[in-house]
N, C-alpha and C. Protein backbone atom coordinates (compact mmCIF):
# COMPACT_ATOMS: atom_id res chain seq x y z
N MET A 1 109.26 154.32 69.98
CA MET A 1 110.67 154.51 70.22
C MET A 1 110.88 155.61 71.27
N GLY A 2 110.01 156.59 71.28
CA GLY A 2 110.15 157.68 72.23
C GLY A 2 110.06 157.22 73.68
N CYS A 3 109.16 156.26 73.96
CA CYS A 3 109.02 155.79 75.34
C CYS A 3 110.28 155.08 75.80
N LEU A 4 110.98 154.42 74.90
CA LEU A 4 112.23 153.76 75.29
C LEU A 4 113.30 154.79 75.65
N THR A 5 113.29 155.92 74.96
CA THR A 5 114.23 156.98 75.27
C THR A 5 113.94 157.56 76.65
N ILE A 6 112.66 157.75 76.94
CA ILE A 6 112.25 158.27 78.24
C ILE A 6 112.71 157.32 79.35
N TRP A 7 112.56 156.01 79.12
CA TRP A 7 112.96 155.01 80.11
C TRP A 7 114.46 154.72 80.08
N GLN A 8 115.16 155.42 79.22
CA GLN A 8 116.60 155.25 79.04
C GLN A 8 116.96 153.79 78.73
N SER A 9 116.17 153.18 77.84
CA SER A 9 116.41 151.81 77.40
C SER A 9 116.99 151.83 75.99
N PRO A 10 118.25 151.44 75.84
CA PRO A 10 118.83 151.43 74.50
C PRO A 10 118.20 150.34 73.64
N VAL A 11 118.16 150.59 72.35
CA VAL A 11 117.58 149.65 71.38
C VAL A 11 118.67 149.23 70.40
N THR A 12 118.85 147.93 70.27
CA THR A 12 119.74 147.40 69.25
C THR A 12 118.90 146.60 68.28
N SER A 13 119.10 146.82 66.99
CA SER A 13 118.34 146.11 65.97
C SER A 13 119.28 145.28 65.13
N ARG A 14 118.87 144.05 64.86
CA ARG A 14 119.64 143.18 63.97
C ARG A 14 119.04 143.27 62.58
N SER A 15 119.83 143.69 61.62
CA SER A 15 119.37 143.79 60.24
C SER A 15 119.65 142.45 59.57
N HIS A 16 118.59 141.79 59.15
CA HIS A 16 118.69 140.43 58.64
C HIS A 16 117.99 140.33 57.30
N PHE A 17 118.66 139.79 56.31
CA PHE A 17 118.11 139.57 54.98
C PHE A 17 117.50 140.84 54.38
N PRO A 18 118.32 141.86 54.09
CA PRO A 18 117.78 143.08 53.49
C PRO A 18 117.04 142.83 52.18
N ALA A 19 117.32 141.70 51.51
CA ALA A 19 116.60 141.40 50.27
C ALA A 19 115.10 141.26 50.52
N LEU A 20 114.71 140.94 51.74
CA LEU A 20 113.30 140.83 52.06
C LEU A 20 112.59 142.18 52.06
N TYR A 21 113.36 143.26 52.07
CA TYR A 21 112.73 144.57 52.11
C TYR A 21 112.23 144.99 50.73
N ALA A 22 112.22 144.07 49.80
CA ALA A 22 111.71 144.34 48.46
C ALA A 22 110.19 144.31 48.48
N SER A 23 109.59 144.52 47.33
CA SER A 23 108.13 144.65 47.25
C SER A 23 107.39 143.38 47.65
N ASP A 24 108.04 142.21 47.58
CA ASP A 24 107.35 140.98 47.96
C ASP A 24 107.52 140.63 49.43
N ALA A 25 108.02 141.56 50.21
CA ALA A 25 108.22 141.32 51.64
C ALA A 25 106.88 141.25 52.35
N PRO A 26 106.82 140.48 53.43
CA PRO A 26 105.58 140.46 54.22
C PRO A 26 105.23 141.86 54.71
N ALA A 27 103.95 142.09 54.87
CA ALA A 27 103.48 143.40 55.31
C ALA A 27 104.15 143.80 56.61
N GLY A 28 104.58 145.05 56.70
CA GLY A 28 105.13 145.58 57.94
C GLY A 28 106.64 145.57 58.01
N ILE A 29 107.33 144.74 57.23
CA ILE A 29 108.79 144.68 57.34
C ILE A 29 109.43 146.01 56.92
N PRO A 30 109.09 146.57 55.75
CA PRO A 30 109.74 147.85 55.40
C PRO A 30 109.41 148.96 56.39
N ASP A 31 108.15 149.06 56.81
CA ASP A 31 107.77 150.12 57.74
C ASP A 31 108.48 149.96 59.08
N GLY A 32 108.55 148.74 59.59
CA GLY A 32 109.24 148.50 60.84
C GLY A 32 110.70 148.83 60.76
N SER A 33 111.33 148.48 59.65
CA SER A 33 112.75 148.80 59.47
C SER A 33 112.96 150.30 59.37
N ASN A 34 112.03 150.98 58.74
CA ASN A 34 112.15 152.43 58.61
C ASN A 34 112.00 153.14 59.96
N VAL A 35 111.41 152.48 60.92
CA VAL A 35 111.32 153.03 62.28
C VAL A 35 112.52 152.61 63.11
N LEU A 36 112.82 151.31 63.11
CA LEU A 36 113.87 150.78 63.99
C LEU A 36 115.27 151.20 63.57
N ILE A 37 115.60 151.04 62.31
CA ILE A 37 116.99 151.26 61.88
C ILE A 37 117.45 152.70 62.09
N PRO A 38 116.68 153.71 61.70
CA PRO A 38 117.16 155.07 61.93
C PRO A 38 117.26 155.45 63.41
N GLU A 39 116.43 154.86 64.26
CA GLU A 39 116.36 155.27 65.66
C GLU A 39 117.14 154.40 66.63
N ALA A 40 117.55 153.21 66.19
CA ALA A 40 118.23 152.29 67.11
C ALA A 40 119.54 152.88 67.61
N ASP A 41 119.86 152.58 68.86
CA ASP A 41 121.13 153.01 69.45
C ASP A 41 122.29 152.23 68.86
N GLY A 42 122.02 151.01 68.41
CA GLY A 42 123.05 150.18 67.80
C GLY A 42 122.45 149.26 66.76
N LEU A 43 123.24 148.92 65.76
CA LEU A 43 122.80 148.01 64.70
C LEU A 43 123.84 146.92 64.53
N ILE A 44 123.37 145.68 64.36
CA ILE A 44 124.29 144.58 64.07
C ILE A 44 123.76 143.79 62.89
N THR A 45 124.64 143.10 62.20
CA THR A 45 124.26 142.20 61.12
C THR A 45 125.34 141.14 60.99
N LEU A 46 125.08 140.12 60.19
CA LEU A 46 126.01 139.00 60.06
C LEU A 46 127.00 139.15 58.92
N THR A 47 126.70 139.99 57.93
CA THR A 47 127.57 140.06 56.75
C THR A 47 127.88 141.49 56.35
N ALA A 48 129.01 141.66 55.67
CA ALA A 48 129.38 142.99 55.15
C ALA A 48 128.39 143.44 54.08
N GLY A 49 127.86 142.49 53.31
CA GLY A 49 126.86 142.84 52.28
C GLY A 49 125.60 143.41 52.87
N ALA A 50 125.11 142.80 53.96
CA ALA A 50 123.92 143.33 54.62
C ALA A 50 124.21 144.70 55.23
N ALA A 51 125.41 144.86 55.79
CA ALA A 51 125.79 146.16 56.36
C ALA A 51 125.82 147.23 55.28
N ALA A 52 126.34 146.90 54.11
CA ALA A 52 126.38 147.86 53.00
C ALA A 52 124.98 148.23 52.54
N GLU A 53 124.09 147.26 52.51
CA GLU A 53 122.70 147.52 52.11
C GLU A 53 122.01 148.45 53.10
N VAL A 54 122.21 148.21 54.39
CA VAL A 54 121.64 149.08 55.42
C VAL A 54 122.22 150.49 55.28
N ALA A 55 123.52 150.58 55.05
CA ALA A 55 124.16 151.90 54.89
C ALA A 55 123.59 152.63 53.68
N ALA A 56 123.37 151.92 52.60
CA ALA A 56 122.82 152.55 51.38
C ALA A 56 121.38 153.01 51.58
N ARG A 57 120.60 152.22 52.29
CA ARG A 57 119.17 152.54 52.45
C ARG A 57 118.89 153.53 53.57
N TRP A 58 119.64 153.43 54.67
CA TRP A 58 119.32 154.23 55.85
C TRP A 58 120.45 155.12 56.32
N GLY A 59 121.61 155.07 55.68
CA GLY A 59 122.72 155.92 56.08
C GLY A 59 123.33 155.55 57.42
N ARG A 60 123.12 154.32 57.87
CA ARG A 60 123.69 153.81 59.12
C ARG A 60 124.58 152.63 58.80
N ARG A 61 125.69 152.50 59.49
CA ARG A 61 126.61 151.38 59.26
C ARG A 61 126.57 150.43 60.45
N PRO A 62 125.93 149.25 60.29
CA PRO A 62 125.88 148.29 61.39
C PRO A 62 127.25 147.68 61.68
N THR A 63 127.40 147.21 62.90
CA THR A 63 128.57 146.41 63.26
C THR A 63 128.35 145.01 62.70
N VAL A 64 129.35 144.47 62.02
CA VAL A 64 129.25 143.13 61.46
C VAL A 64 129.79 142.13 62.48
N LEU A 65 128.92 141.22 62.90
CA LEU A 65 129.31 140.12 63.78
C LEU A 65 129.18 138.85 62.95
N PRO A 66 130.28 138.39 62.36
CA PRO A 66 130.19 137.25 61.45
C PRO A 66 129.54 136.04 62.10
N HIS A 67 128.79 135.33 61.29
CA HIS A 67 128.14 134.12 61.75
C HIS A 67 129.20 133.12 62.20
N PRO A 68 128.98 132.46 63.33
CA PRO A 68 129.97 131.48 63.78
C PRO A 68 130.05 130.31 62.80
N HIS A 69 131.22 129.71 62.72
CA HIS A 69 131.41 128.57 61.83
C HIS A 69 130.66 127.35 62.35
N VAL A 70 130.11 126.59 61.44
CA VAL A 70 129.37 125.39 61.79
C VAL A 70 130.33 124.23 62.05
N VAL A 71 131.43 124.21 61.32
CA VAL A 71 132.43 123.15 61.48
C VAL A 71 133.79 123.80 61.74
N ASP A 72 134.70 123.02 62.29
CA ASP A 72 136.06 123.51 62.50
C ASP A 72 136.65 123.97 61.17
N LEU A 73 137.41 125.06 61.20
CA LEU A 73 137.96 125.62 59.96
C LEU A 73 138.90 124.66 59.24
N ASP A 74 139.55 123.75 59.97
CA ASP A 74 140.47 122.83 59.30
C ASP A 74 139.76 121.61 58.71
N ARG A 75 138.50 121.39 59.04
CA ARG A 75 137.81 120.20 58.55
C ARG A 75 137.71 120.13 57.03
N PRO A 76 137.37 121.20 56.33
CA PRO A 76 137.28 121.10 54.87
C PRO A 76 138.61 120.77 54.20
N THR A 77 139.73 120.98 54.86
CA THR A 77 141.03 120.70 54.25
C THR A 77 141.50 119.27 54.54
N ARG A 78 140.85 118.59 55.46
CA ARG A 78 141.23 117.21 55.77
C ARG A 78 140.80 116.27 54.64
N PRO A 79 141.58 115.26 54.36
CA PRO A 79 141.18 114.29 53.32
C PRO A 79 139.90 113.56 53.75
N ARG A 80 139.04 113.32 52.80
CA ARG A 80 137.81 112.58 53.07
C ARG A 80 138.07 111.09 52.91
N ALA A 81 137.30 110.32 53.63
CA ALA A 81 137.41 108.87 53.49
C ALA A 81 136.94 108.47 52.09
N SER A 82 137.69 107.61 51.46
CA SER A 82 137.28 107.17 50.12
C SER A 82 136.31 106.01 50.26
N GLY A 83 135.43 105.89 49.30
CA GLY A 83 134.45 104.82 49.33
C GLY A 83 133.54 104.91 48.12
N PRO A 84 132.66 103.95 47.99
CA PRO A 84 131.81 103.91 46.80
C PRO A 84 130.61 104.86 46.85
N SER A 85 130.36 105.48 48.00
CA SER A 85 129.17 106.34 48.09
C SER A 85 129.55 107.76 48.49
N PHE A 86 128.61 108.67 48.23
CA PHE A 86 128.79 110.08 48.59
C PHE A 86 127.42 110.70 48.81
N VAL A 87 127.41 111.83 49.48
CA VAL A 87 126.17 112.53 49.78
C VAL A 87 126.26 113.95 49.27
N ILE A 88 125.19 114.41 48.61
CA ILE A 88 125.04 115.82 48.25
C ILE A 88 123.93 116.35 49.14
N GLY A 89 124.22 117.41 49.87
CA GLY A 89 123.25 117.94 50.81
C GLY A 89 122.71 119.30 50.42
N VAL A 90 121.44 119.51 50.71
CA VAL A 90 120.79 120.80 50.50
C VAL A 90 120.17 121.20 51.84
N HIS A 91 120.47 122.42 52.27
CA HIS A 91 119.92 122.91 53.52
C HIS A 91 118.91 124.01 53.21
N ALA A 92 117.67 123.75 53.51
CA ALA A 92 116.60 124.74 53.32
C ALA A 92 115.95 124.95 54.67
N LYS A 93 116.69 125.56 55.59
CA LYS A 93 116.24 125.74 56.97
C LYS A 93 114.82 126.31 57.01
N SER A 94 114.65 127.43 56.40
CA SER A 94 113.35 128.07 56.27
C SER A 94 113.30 128.67 54.88
N VAL A 95 112.17 128.60 54.26
CA VAL A 95 112.05 129.13 52.91
C VAL A 95 111.61 130.59 53.00
N ARG A 96 112.48 131.47 52.55
CA ARG A 96 112.20 132.91 52.56
C ARG A 96 111.94 133.39 51.14
N ALA A 97 111.56 134.66 51.03
CA ALA A 97 111.24 135.23 49.72
C ALA A 97 112.42 135.13 48.76
N SER A 98 113.62 135.16 49.27
CA SER A 98 114.80 135.14 48.40
C SER A 98 115.28 133.72 48.09
N MET A 99 114.54 132.71 48.53
CA MET A 99 114.96 131.32 48.33
C MET A 99 113.93 130.56 47.49
N ALA A 100 114.43 129.69 46.64
CA ALA A 100 113.57 128.80 45.87
C ALA A 100 114.25 127.43 45.80
N PRO A 101 114.21 126.66 46.90
CA PRO A 101 114.96 125.40 46.92
C PRO A 101 114.38 124.28 46.07
N LEU A 102 113.08 124.27 45.82
CA LEU A 102 112.49 123.14 45.10
C LEU A 102 113.05 122.92 43.70
N PRO A 103 113.24 123.95 42.88
CA PRO A 103 113.84 123.69 41.56
C PRO A 103 115.23 123.06 41.65
N VAL A 104 116.03 123.50 42.62
CA VAL A 104 117.37 122.95 42.80
C VAL A 104 117.27 121.50 43.27
N ILE A 105 116.38 121.24 44.21
CA ILE A 105 116.22 119.88 44.74
C ILE A 105 115.74 118.92 43.65
N ARG A 106 114.82 119.36 42.81
CA ARG A 106 114.32 118.49 41.73
C ARG A 106 115.45 118.09 40.78
N VAL A 107 116.25 119.06 40.37
CA VAL A 107 117.37 118.77 39.46
C VAL A 107 118.38 117.85 40.13
N LEU A 108 118.73 118.17 41.38
CA LEU A 108 119.69 117.32 42.10
C LEU A 108 119.16 115.90 42.26
N ALA A 109 117.88 115.72 42.51
CA ALA A 109 117.30 114.39 42.68
C ALA A 109 117.50 113.55 41.42
N GLU A 110 117.28 114.17 40.25
CA GLU A 110 117.48 113.46 38.99
C GLU A 110 118.95 113.11 38.76
N VAL A 111 119.82 114.08 38.99
CA VAL A 111 121.25 113.88 38.76
C VAL A 111 121.82 112.84 39.72
N VAL A 112 121.51 112.97 40.99
CA VAL A 112 122.06 112.05 42.00
C VAL A 112 121.54 110.63 41.76
N ALA A 113 120.29 110.49 41.34
CA ALA A 113 119.74 109.15 41.08
C ALA A 113 120.51 108.44 39.97
N ALA A 114 121.10 109.20 39.06
CA ALA A 114 121.84 108.59 37.94
C ALA A 114 123.31 108.33 38.28
N LEU A 115 123.77 108.75 39.44
CA LEU A 115 125.18 108.58 39.81
C LEU A 115 125.34 107.39 40.75
N PRO A 116 126.21 106.46 40.41
CA PRO A 116 126.42 105.30 41.29
C PRO A 116 126.92 105.74 42.67
N GLY A 117 126.26 105.26 43.70
CA GLY A 117 126.67 105.56 45.06
C GLY A 117 126.21 106.92 45.56
N GLY A 118 125.49 107.66 44.75
CA GLY A 118 125.04 109.00 45.14
C GLY A 118 123.81 108.96 46.02
N ARG A 119 123.75 109.90 46.95
CA ARG A 119 122.60 110.02 47.84
C ARG A 119 122.33 111.50 48.05
N LEU A 120 121.07 111.89 48.00
CA LEU A 120 120.68 113.28 48.22
C LEU A 120 120.08 113.41 49.61
N ARG A 121 120.57 114.40 50.35
CA ARG A 121 120.04 114.68 51.69
C ARG A 121 119.50 116.11 51.68
N VAL A 122 118.23 116.27 52.08
CA VAL A 122 117.60 117.58 52.15
C VAL A 122 117.19 117.82 53.60
N ASP A 123 117.72 118.88 54.19
CA ASP A 123 117.38 119.25 55.56
C ASP A 123 116.49 120.48 55.53
N ILE A 124 115.33 120.39 56.19
CA ILE A 124 114.40 121.52 56.27
C ILE A 124 113.83 121.58 57.69
N HIS A 125 113.28 122.72 58.04
CA HIS A 125 112.59 122.87 59.32
C HIS A 125 111.13 122.49 59.15
N HIS A 126 110.51 122.14 60.26
CA HIS A 126 109.10 121.74 60.23
C HIS A 126 108.20 122.83 59.69
N ASP A 127 108.55 124.11 59.86
CA ASP A 127 107.68 125.19 59.39
C ASP A 127 107.56 125.23 57.88
N VAL A 128 108.51 124.64 57.16
CA VAL A 128 108.43 124.61 55.69
C VAL A 128 107.28 123.73 55.26
N PHE A 129 106.98 122.67 56.01
CA PHE A 129 105.86 121.80 55.67
C PHE A 129 104.52 122.53 55.73
N ASP A 130 104.44 123.58 56.53
CA ASP A 130 103.20 124.31 56.70
C ASP A 130 102.94 125.30 55.57
N GLN A 131 103.91 125.49 54.69
CA GLN A 131 103.75 126.49 53.62
C GLN A 131 103.14 125.88 52.38
């Protein structure tokens, strides 16, 4: 961090998933955060909860830049087309220490199979297959 100060290069750190800073976190995450967060010129995060966690652990308050919406805000209020079928979706983009999608997916698979017109959709990234 000192060399960046000498070069007058500001450092901004994004605090992401503070729950990963627990004992089951991959090696290096807590140590890296203990270096970056106290010394960064700026901190950003996506949620007020993550900002509060950073403030509690490191005494710094990140700027919250809310995650952009995936769909238009008025879409959930629009009436859905009626029909004999429906989809229940599970999004497991990447499986992190704080996520356990398989138990949820197993239960949903049984429930949806018993519902007329029900379909289960599971979206995952290719890296999940490697785990």
